[in-house]
Amino acid sequence: MSSIVPGPKQKLEQDITAARVGGKGLDARDLSPSAPPQEDLQGLDDWPETLRATVEAEHARVTALASNRRKTADGIVPEEVRGLDGLLDQVAGRLHAEKPPLFGKPSASQSDDLDDLAERLGIPDDALTVPGRGEHRTALRTIKQLRSQLKELETANDHSKLTRVATFVVRLALITECAPASTATLAPIALDRYAKSLPDYQWTLTFDQKLTFWKQTHERLTTAE
């Protein structure tokens, strides 16, 4: 008696039947063989919830795009937009809380910290100044404009633009969350540079490269506390 090897479809049906009666559990890849395995992001357990969820959504979206699953990527956009909007809301809250100084400059020790943080935000040395009240108000307006852009992106599904916005917002939110005292000085400069479309080296990095940088930044700042 010859044995008959079931085809892929028949095998899947057999596995589903077995799972229903308490047999072998199904892996998600069995139900969608063409879908690549989803990898959990490691090292984000101690990140703030909104920041972590937004990075995870960005990861899921770019992974879907890389594997030509455009509909899946489109479906992730609203979740990611909500996360980015929440991060911008937090940055605005910190800008309101951390008022810029009327006079004076940072101390030497503060300047050293700001130099490091500015470099992490992609701000060159010659652009590092102490913003005044006018720049502070302009920064808040830029945040409003960014949030308006996000509302448009929620339905436009412009993935290239969303990646650029996410790259900027995640990094800015990470710095202001982990080093809130720097917000009044660095956030207005970073927002002004973004509004002017000045070059940002992180736009050319892969997600994995950006994630490594973000994780190193978070570890560096939280360890220094």
C-alpha atoms as a PDB file:
ATOM      1  CA  MET A   1       0.000   0.000   0.000  1.00  0.00           C
ATOM      2  CA  SER A   2       1.584   3.228  -1.113  1.00  0.00           C
ATOM      3  CA  SER A   3       1.677   6.195   1.234  1.00  0.00           C
ATOM      4  CA  ILE A   4       0.270   9.490   0.057  1.00  0.00           C
ATOM      5  CA  VAL A   5       2.008  12.651   1.234  1.00  0.00           C
ATOM      6  CA  PRO A   6      -0.555  15.437   1.708  1.00  0.00           C
ATOM      7  CA  GLY A   7      -0.101  18.630  -0.256  1.00  0.00           C
ATOM      8  CA  PRO A   8       0.501  21.979   1.526  1.00  0.00           C
ATOM      9  CA  LYS A   9      -3.194  22.910   1.539  1.00  0.00           C
ATOM     10  CA  GLN A  10      -4.289  19.490   2.800  1.00  0.00           C
ATOM     11  CA  LYS A  11      -1.526  19.524   5.419  1.00  0.00           C
ATOM     12  CA  LEU A  12      -2.684  22.938   6.660  1.00  0.00           C
ATOM     13  CA  GLU A  13      -6.280  21.690   6.893  1.00  0.00           C
ATOM     14  CA  GLN A  14      -5.088  18.689   8.910  1.00  0.00           C
ATOM     15  CA  ASP A  15      -3.116  20.936  11.265  1.00  0.00           C
ATOM     16  CA  ILE A  16      -6.123  23.222  11.773  1.00  0.00           C
ATOM     17  CA  THR A  17      -8.315  20.215  12.564  1.00  0.00           C
ATOM     18  CA  ALA A  18      -5.701  18.895  15.014  1.00  0.00           C
ATOM     19  CA  ALA A  19      -5.448  22.274  16.704  1.00  0.00           C
ATOM     20  CA  ARG A  20      -9.225  22.441  17.150  1.00  0.00           C
ATOM     21  CA  VAL A  21      -9.291  19.128  19.010  1.00  0.00           C
ATOM     22  CA  GLY A  22      -6.367  20.038  21.221  1.00  0.00           C
ATOM     23  CA  GLY A  23      -3.571  18.681  19.080  1.00  0.00           C
ATOM     24  CA  LYS A  24      -0.540  20.517  17.712  1.00  0.00           C
ATOM     25  CA  GLY A  25      -0.711  24.283  18.115  1.00  0.00           C
ATOM     26  CA  LEU A  26      -0.525  26.389  14.988  1.00  0.00           C
ATOM     27  CA  ASP A  27       2.228  28.881  14.318  1.00  0.00           C
ATOM     28  CA  ALA A  28       1.186  32.177  12.712  1.00  0.00           C
ATOM     29  CA  ARG A  29       3.470  31.376   9.800  1.00  0.00           C
ATOM     30  CA  ASP A  30       1.394  28.242   9.094  1.00  0.00           C
ATOM     31  CA  LEU A  31      -1.659  30.399   8.473  1.00  0.00           C
ATOM     32  CA  SER A  32       0.276  32.809   6.252  1.00  0.00           C
ATOM     33  CA  PRO A  33       3.353  30.982   4.901  1.00  0.00           C
ATOM     34  CA  SER A  34       4.460  33.971   2.848  1.00  0.00           C
ATOM     35  CA  ALA A  35       4.603  36.289   5.864  1.00  0.00           C
ATOM     36  CA  PRO A  36       8.052  36.625   7.461  1.00  0.00           C
ATOM     37  CA  PRO A  37       8.375  35.811  11.166  1.00  0.00           C
ATOM     38  CA  GLN A  38       7.742  38.754  13.475  1.00  0.00           C
ATOM     39  CA  GLU A  39      10.624  39.382  15.836  1.00  0.00           C
ATOM     40  CA  ASP A  40      10.036  40.963  19.212  1.00  0.00           C
ATOM     41  CA  LEU A  41      12.141  44.035  19.824  1.00  0.00           C
ATOM     42  CA  GLN A  42      14.535  43.442  22.682  1.00  0.00           C
ATOM     43  CA  GLY A  43      15.711  45.926  25.291  1.00  0.00           C
ATOM     44  CA  LEU A  44      12.640  48.186  25.362  1.00  0.00           C
ATOM     45  CA  ASP A  45      11.003  46.866  28.533  1.00  0.00           C
ATOM     46  CA  ASP A  46      11.957  49.890  30.635  1.00  0.00           C
ATOM     47  CA  TRP A  47      11.054  52.471  27.981  1.00  0.00           C
ATOM     48  CA  PRO A  48       8.064  54.791  28.517  1.00  0.00           C
ATOM     49  CA  GLU A  49       4.931  53.092  27.201  1.00  0.00           C
ATOM     50  CA  THR A  50       4.056  55.503  24.381  1.00  0.00           C
ATOM     51  CA  LEU A  51       7.647  55.668  23.161  1.00  0.00           C
ATOM     52  CA  ARG A  52       8.009  51.887  23.179  1.00  0.00           C
ATOM     53  CA  ALA A  53       4.675  51.299  21.419  1.00  0.00           C
ATOM     54  CA  THR A  54       5.518  53.852  18.729  1.00  0.00           C
ATOM     55  CA  VAL A  55       8.900  52.270  18.011  1.00  0.00           C
ATOM     56  CA  GLU A  56       7.262  48.846  17.841  1.00  0.00           C
ATOM     57  CA  ALA A  57       4.672  50.163  15.374  1.00  0.00           C
ATOM     58  CA  GLU A  58       7.421  51.733  13.243  1.00  0.00           C
ATOM     59  CA  HIS A  59       9.269  48.417  13.258  1.00  0.00           C
ATOM     60  CA  ALA A  60       6.160  46.498  12.191  1.00  0.00           C
ATOM     61  CA  ARG A  61       5.412  48.987   9.417  1.00  0.00           C
ATOM     62  CA  VAL A  62       8.887  49.085   7.859  1.00  0.00           C
ATOM     63  CA  THR A  63       9.159  45.301   8.161  1.00  0.00           C
ATOM     64  CA  ALA A  64       5.878  44.921   6.281  1.00  0.00           C
ATOM     65  CA  LEU A  65       7.048  47.343   3.581  1.00  0.00           C
ATOM     66  CA  ALA A  66      10.346  45.483   3.209  1.00  0.00           C
ATOM     67  CA  SER A  67       8.447  42.242   2.532  1.00  0.00           C
ATOM     68  CA  ASN A  68       6.041  43.845   0.038  1.00  0.00           C
ATOM     69  CA  ARG A  69       3.034  43.665   2.372  1.00  0.00           C
ATOM     70  CA  ARG A  70       1.768  47.147   1.586  1.00  0.00           C
ATOM     71  CA  LYS A  71      -1.767  46.567   2.896  1.00  0.00           C
ATOM     72  CA  THR A  72      -0.365  45.394   6.225  1.00  0.00           C
ATOM     73  CA  ALA A  73       1.874  48.464   6.409  1.00  0.00           C
ATOM     74  CA  ASP A  74      -1.073  50.726   5.546  1.00  0.00           C
ATOM     75  CA  GLY A  75      -3.081  49.146   8.352  1.00  0.00           C
ATOM     76  CA  ILE A  76      -0.371  49.984  10.902  1.00  0.00           C
ATOM     77  CA  VAL A  77      -0.273  53.684   9.968  1.00  0.00           C
ATOM     78  CA  PRO A  78      -3.173  54.866  12.200  1.00  0.00           C
ATOM     79  CA  GLU A  79      -1.657  53.188  15.272  1.00  0.00           C
ATOM     80  CA  GLU A  80       1.754  54.695  14.606  1.00  0.00           C
ATOM     81  CA  VAL A  81       0.279  58.140  13.928  1.00  0.00           C
ATOM     82  CA  ARG A  82      -1.528  58.034  17.284  1.00  0.00           C
ATOM     83  CA  GLY A  83       1.740  57.155  19.005  1.00  0.00           C
ATOM     84  CA  LEU A  84       3.674  59.942  17.292  1.00  0.00           C
ATOM     85  CA  ASP A  85       0.908  62.413  18.109  1.00  0.00           C
ATOM     86  CA  GLY A  86       1.121  61.367  21.750  1.00  0.00           C
ATOM     87  CA  LEU A  87       4.893  61.858  21.757  1.00  0.00           C
ATOM     88  CA  LEU A  88       4.542  65.345  20.278  1.00  0.00           C
ATOM     89  CA  ASP A  89       1.980  66.146  22.953  1.00  0.00           C
ATOM     90  CA  GLN A  90       4.515  65.100  25.604  1.00  0.00           C
ATOM     91  CA  VAL A  91       7.262  67.234  24.019  1.00  0.00           C
ATOM     92  CA  ALA A  92       4.901  70.236  23.975  1.00  0.00           C
ATOM     93  CA  GLY A  93       4.076  69.623  27.631  1.00  0.00           C
ATOM     94  CA  ARG A  94       7.744  69.658  28.527  1.00  0.00           C
ATOM     95  CA  LEU A  95       8.296  72.838  26.539  1.00  0.00           C
ATOM     96  CA  HIS A  96       5.539  74.486  28.561  1.00  0.00           C
ATOM     97  CA  ALA A  97       7.088  73.199  31.799  1.00  0.00           C
ATOM     98  CA  GLU A  98      10.718  74.040  30.956  1.00  0.00           C
ATOM     99  CA  LYS A  99      10.612  77.776  30.224  1.00  0.00           C
ATOM    100  CA  PRO A 100      13.671  79.261  28.478  1.00  0.00           C
ATOM    101  CA  PRO A 101      15.893  81.523  30.597  1.00  0.00           C
ATOM    102  CA  LEU A 102      15.477  85.266  30.214  1.00  0.00           C
ATOM    103  CA  PHE A 103      19.205  85.865  30.540  1.00  0.00           C
ATOM    104  CA  GLY A 104      22.442  83.971  30.903  1.00  0.00           C
ATOM    105  CA  LYS A 105      24.021  80.871  29.443  1.00  0.00           C
ATOM    106  CA  PRO A 106      24.381  77.287  30.663  1.00  0.00           C
ATOM    107  CA  SER A 107      27.182  76.516  33.100  1.00  0.00           C
ATOM    108  CA  ALA A 108      30.277  74.651  31.907  1.00  0.00           C
ATOM    109  CA  SER A 109      28.968  71.301  33.123  1.00  0.00           C
ATOM    110  CA  GLN A 110      25.575  71.951  31.553  1.00  0.00           C
ATOM    111  CA  SER A 111      27.266  72.914  28.296  1.00  0.00           C
ATOM    112  CA  ASP A 112      29.125  69.596  28.219  1.00  0.00           C
ATOM    113  CA  ASP A 113      25.851  67.704  28.632  1.00  0.00           C
ATOM    114  CA  LEU A 114      24.148  69.854  26.019  1.00  0.00           C
ATOM    115  CA  ASP A 115      26.952  69.249  23.527  1.00  0.00           C
ATOM    116  CA  ASP A 116      26.461  65.502  23.875  1.00  0.00           C
ATOM    117  CA  LEU A 117      22.672  65.724  23.647  1.00  0.00           C
ATOM    118  CA  ALA A 118      22.822  68.139  20.709  1.00  0.00           C
ATOM    119  CA  GLU A 119      25.054  65.715  18.832  1.00  0.00           C
ATOM    120  CA  ARG A 120      22.534  62.934  19.493  1.00  0.00           C
ATOM    121  CA  LEU A 121      19.806  65.171  18.057  1.00  0.00           C
ATOM    122  CA  GLY A 122      21.861  65.917  14.961  1.00  0.00           C
ATOM    123  CA  ILE A 123      22.428  69.551  15.945  1.00  0.00           C
ATOM    124  CA  PRO A 124      25.888  70.823  14.831  1.00  0.00           C
ATOM    125  CA  ASP A 125      28.079  72.798  17.229  1.00  0.00           C
ATOM    126  CA  ASP A 126      27.586  76.105  15.437  1.00  0.00           C
ATOM    127  CA  ALA A 127      23.797  75.784  15.759  1.00  0.00           C
ATOM    128  CA  LEU A 128      23.819  75.247  19.517  1.00  0.00           C
ATOM    129  CA  THR A 129      22.571  78.477  21.085  1.00  0.00           C
ATOM    130  CA  VAL A 130      20.210  79.393  23.922  1.00  0.00           C
ATOM    131  CA  PRO A 131      16.780  80.019  22.336  1.00  0.00           C
ATOM    132  CA  GLY A 132      14.738  82.952  23.537  1.00  0.00           C
ATOM    133  CA  ARG A 133      11.004  83.233  24.167  1.00  0.00           C
ATOM    134  CA  GLY A 134      10.341  83.834  20.466  1.00  0.00           C
ATOM    135  CA  GLU A 135      12.008  80.577  19.431  1.00  0.00           C
ATOM    136  CA  HIS A 136      10.142  78.823  22.221  1.00  0.00           C
ATOM    137  CA  ARG A 137       6.777  79.955  20.826  1.00  0.00           C
ATOM    138  CA  THR A 138       7.857  79.055  17.288  1.00  0.00           C
ATOM    139  CA  ALA A 139       8.726  75.546  18.481  1.00  0.00           C
ATOM    140  CA  LEU A 140       5.224  75.078  19.871  1.00  0.00           C
ATOM    141  CA  ARG A 141       3.748  76.214  16.549  1.00  0.00           C
ATOM    142  CA  THR A 142       5.967  73.741  14.701  1.00  0.00           C
ATOM    143  CA  ILE A 143       4.647  70.956  16.913  1.00  0.00           C
ATOM    144  CA  LYS A 144       1.090  71.950  15.979  1.00  0.00           C
ATOM    145  CA  GLN A 145       2.062  71.836  12.305  1.00  0.00           C
ATOM    146  CA  LEU A 146       3.623  68.404  12.757  1.00  0.00           C
ATOM    147  CA  ARG A 147       0.465  67.122  14.390  1.00  0.00           C
ATOM    148  CA  SER A 148      -1.561  68.445  11.450  1.00  0.00           C
ATOM    149  CA  GLN A 149       0.780  66.617   9.074  1.00  0.00           C
ATOM    150  CA  LEU A 150       0.238  63.419  11.025  1.00  0.00           C
ATOM    151  CA  LYS A 151      -3.542  63.715  10.578  1.00  0.00           C
ATOM    152  CA  GLU A 152      -3.000  63.902   6.829  1.00  0.00           C
ATOM    153  CA  LEU A 153      -0.570  60.978   6.882  1.00  0.00           C
ATOM    154  CA  GLU A 154      -3.101  58.822   8.716  1.00  0.00           C
ATOM    155  CA  THR A 155      -5.083  58.489   5.492  1.00  0.00           C
ATOM    156  CA  ALA A 156      -2.522  59.436   2.829  1.00  0.00           C
ATOM    157  CA  ASN A 157      -0.281  56.432   3.592  1.00  0.00           C
ATOM    158  CA  ASP A 158       2.830  58.318   2.473  1.00  0.00           C
ATOM    159  CA  HIS A 159       5.271  55.874   4.018  1.00  0.00           C
ATOM    160  CA  SER A 160       8.450  57.745   3.087  1.00  0.00           C
ATOM    161  CA  LYS A 161       7.243  60.921   4.771  1.00  0.00           C
ATOM    162  CA  LEU A 162       5.959  59.018   7.798  1.00  0.00           C
ATOM    163  CA  THR A 163       9.372  57.395   8.225  1.00  0.00           C
ATOM    164  CA  ARG A 164      11.036  60.812   8.242  1.00  0.00           C
ATOM    165  CA  VAL A 165       8.560  62.174  10.774  1.00  0.00           C
ATOM    166  CA  ALA A 166       8.930  59.089  12.974  1.00  0.00           C
ATOM    167  CA  THR A 167      12.732  59.282  12.830  1.00  0.00           C
ATOM    168  CA  PHE A 168      12.655  62.875  14.038  1.00  0.00           C
ATOM    169  CA  VAL A 169       9.876  62.611  16.624  1.00  0.00           C
ATOM    170  CA  VAL A 170      11.117  59.416  18.294  1.00  0.00           C
ATOM    171  CA  ARG A 171      14.600  60.825  18.771  1.00  0.00           C
ATOM    172  CA  LEU A 172      13.325  64.177  20.047  1.00  0.00           C
ATOM    173  CA  ALA A 173      10.867  62.498  22.430  1.00  0.00           C
ATOM    174  CA  LEU A 174      13.609  60.185  23.685  1.00  0.00           C
ATOM    175  CA  ILE A 175      15.911  63.106  24.544  1.00  0.00           C
ATOM    176  CA  THR A 176      13.207  65.231  26.176  1.00  0.00           C
ATOM    177  CA  GLU A 177      11.929  62.239  28.159  1.00  0.00           C
ATOM    178  CA  CYS A 178      15.334  61.137  29.455  1.00  0.00           C
ATOM    179  CA  ALA A 179      16.881  64.621  29.792  1.00  0.00           C
ATOM    180  CA  PRO A 180      13.905  66.963  30.428  1.00  0.00           C
ATOM    181  CA  ALA A 181      16.098  69.861  31.604  1.00  0.00           C
ATOM    182  CA  SER A 182      17.540  70.107  28.082  1.00  0.00           C
ATOM    183  CA  THR A 183      14.119  70.554  26.456  1.00  0.00           C
ATOM    184  CA  ALA A 184      13.952  74.368  26.622  1.00  0.00           C
ATOM    185  CA  THR A 185      17.331  74.665  24.875  1.00  0.00           C
ATOM    186  CA  LEU A 186      17.444  71.761  22.433  1.00  0.00           C
ATOM    187  CA  ALA A 187      13.838  71.157  21.374  1.00  0.00           C
ATOM    188  CA  PRO A 188      13.362  74.614  19.746  1.00  0.00           C
ATOM    189  CA  ILE A 189      16.610  74.198  17.793  1.00  0.00           C
ATOM    190  CA  ALA A 190      15.753  70.672  16.655  1.00  0.00           C
ATOM    191  CA  LEU A 191      12.223  71.684  15.654  1.00  0.00           C
ATOM    192  CA  ASP A 192      13.495  74.723  13.751  1.00  0.00           C
ATOM    193  CA  ARG A 193      15.981  72.586  11.817  1.00  0.00           C
ATOM    194  CA  TYR A 194      13.259  70.081  10.964  1.00  0.00           C
ATOM    195  CA  ALA A 195      10.862  72.823   9.826  1.00  0.00           C
ATOM    196  CA  LYS A 196      13.581  74.161   7.515  1.00  0.00           C
ATOM    197  CA  SER A 197      14.257  70.644   6.122  1.00  0.00           C
ATOM    198  CA  LEU A 198      17.916  70.855   7.090  1.00  0.00           C
ATOM    199  CA  PRO A 199      19.885  67.616   6.551  1.00  0.00           C
ATOM    200  CA  ASP A 200      19.528  64.875   9.151  1.00  0.00           C
ATOM    201  CA  TYR A 201      21.924  61.942   8.899  1.00  0.00           C
ATOM    202  CA  GLN A 202      19.435  59.548  10.528  1.00  0.00           C
ATOM    203  CA  TRP A 203      17.078  59.739   7.549  1.00  0.00           C
ATOM    204  CA  THR A 204      19.491  57.561   5.571  1.00  0.00           C
ATOM    205  CA  LEU A 205      19.889  54.911   8.285  1.00  0.00           C
ATOM    206  CA  THR A 206      18.090  51.579   8.330  1.00  0.00           C
ATOM    207  CA  PHE A 207      15.574  50.896  11.082  1.00  0.00           C
ATOM    208  CA  ASP A 208      18.033  48.554  12.821  1.00  0.00           C
ATOM    209  CA  GLN A 209      20.728  51.240  12.805  1.00  0.00           C
ATOM    210  CA  LYS A 210      18.309  53.827  14.217  1.00  0.00           C
ATOM    211  CA  LEU A 211      17.066  51.392  16.858  1.00  0.00           C
ATOM    212  CA  THR A 212      20.623  50.671  17.996  1.00  0.00           C
ATOM    213  CA  PHE A 213      21.293  54.403  18.296  1.00  0.00           C
ATOM    214  CA  TRP A 214      18.031  55.018  20.194  1.00  0.00           C
ATOM    215  CA  LYS A 215      18.724  52.181  22.606  1.00  0.00           C
ATOM    216  CA  GLN A 216      22.283  53.386  23.231  1.00  0.00           C
ATOM    217  CA  THR A 217      20.967  56.907  23.845  1.00  0.00           C
ATOM    218  CA  HIS A 218      18.320  55.679  26.287  1.00  0.00           C
ATOM    219  CA  GLU A 219      20.855  53.571  28.160  1.00  0.00           C
ATOM    220  CA  ARG A 220      23.380  56.418  28.269  1.00  0.00           C
ATOM    221  CA  LEU A 221      20.873  58.930  29.630  1.00  0.00           C
ATOM    222  CA  THR A 222      19.059  56.691  32.104  1.00  0.00           C
ATOM    223  CA  THR A 223      22.345  55.324  33.462  1.00  0.00           C
ATOM    224  CA  ALA A 224      23.619  58.875  34.001  1.00  0.00           C
ATOM    225  CA  GLU A 225      20.666  59.736  36.246  1.00  0.00           C
END
